[in-house]
Amino acid sequence: MELANDSSGIVELMVLDNGNFRSRDDNKILLPADNDSWIVHLIVNLHI
């Protein structure tokens, strides 16, 4: 998801990983109780 901001040349993004596709091998899939989700807030300066 792109986030609106007032800074020219700055892009802000949020990325969610719900952990459902950690492995394509069915023998390595985690149970829901052992699975973690995470979100990352990225700020990218396009002027660099």
Protein backbone atom coordinates (compact mmCIF):
# COMPACT_ATOMS: atom_id res chain seq x y z
CA MET A 1 0.00 0.00 0.00
CA GLU A 2 1.39 3.41 -0.93
CA LEU A 3 0.97 6.09 1.74
CA ALA A 4 0.32 9.72 0.89
CA ASN A 5 2.87 12.30 2.08
CA ASP A 6 3.73 15.96 1.46
CA SER A 7 7.39 15.39 0.51
CA SER A 8 8.43 15.60 -3.14
CA GLY A 9 10.60 12.65 -4.18
CA ILE A 10 9.74 10.57 -1.12
CA VAL A 11 7.67 7.40 -1.51
CA GLU A 12 6.27 5.61 1.53
CA LEU A 13 5.10 2.00 1.31
CA MET A 14 3.75 -0.55 3.76
CA VAL A 15 4.24 -4.24 2.98
CA LEU A 16 2.48 -7.10 4.81
CA ASP A 17 3.78 -10.66 4.95
CA ASN A 18 1.16 -12.88 6.52
CA GLY A 19 3.58 -15.83 6.59
CA ASN A 20 1.37 -18.22 4.64
CA PHE A 21 3.91 -18.94 1.90
CA ARG A 22 7.15 -19.52 3.82
CA SER A 23 7.72 -22.82 2.01
CA ARG A 24 6.43 -24.49 -1.12
CA ASP A 25 7.27 -27.85 0.44
CA ASP A 26 4.15 -29.15 2.23
CA ASN A 27 6.34 -31.00 4.74
CA LYS A 28 7.79 -27.68 5.99
CA ILE A 29 4.54 -25.69 6.35
CA LEU A 30 4.06 -24.21 9.84
CA LEU A 31 0.91 -24.59 11.87
CA PRO A 32 -1.07 -21.34 12.36
CA ALA A 33 0.02 -21.13 16.02
CA ASP A 34 3.69 -21.23 14.93
CA ASN A 35 3.29 -18.80 12.04
CA ASP A 36 4.24 -15.10 12.30
CA SER A 37 3.01 -12.07 10.37
CA TRP A 38 4.94 -8.85 9.98
CA ILE A 39 4.54 -5.45 8.38
CA VAL A 40 7.30 -3.15 7.12
CA HIS A 41 7.06 0.62 6.62
CA LEU A 42 9.50 1.68 3.89
CA ILE A 43 10.49 5.28 3.11
CA VAL A 44 12.29 5.63 -0.23
CA ASN A 45 14.16 8.80 -1.22
CA LEU A 46 14.03 9.01 -5.04
CA HIS A 47 16.62 11.83 -5.10
CA ILE A 48 19.54 9.60 -4.09
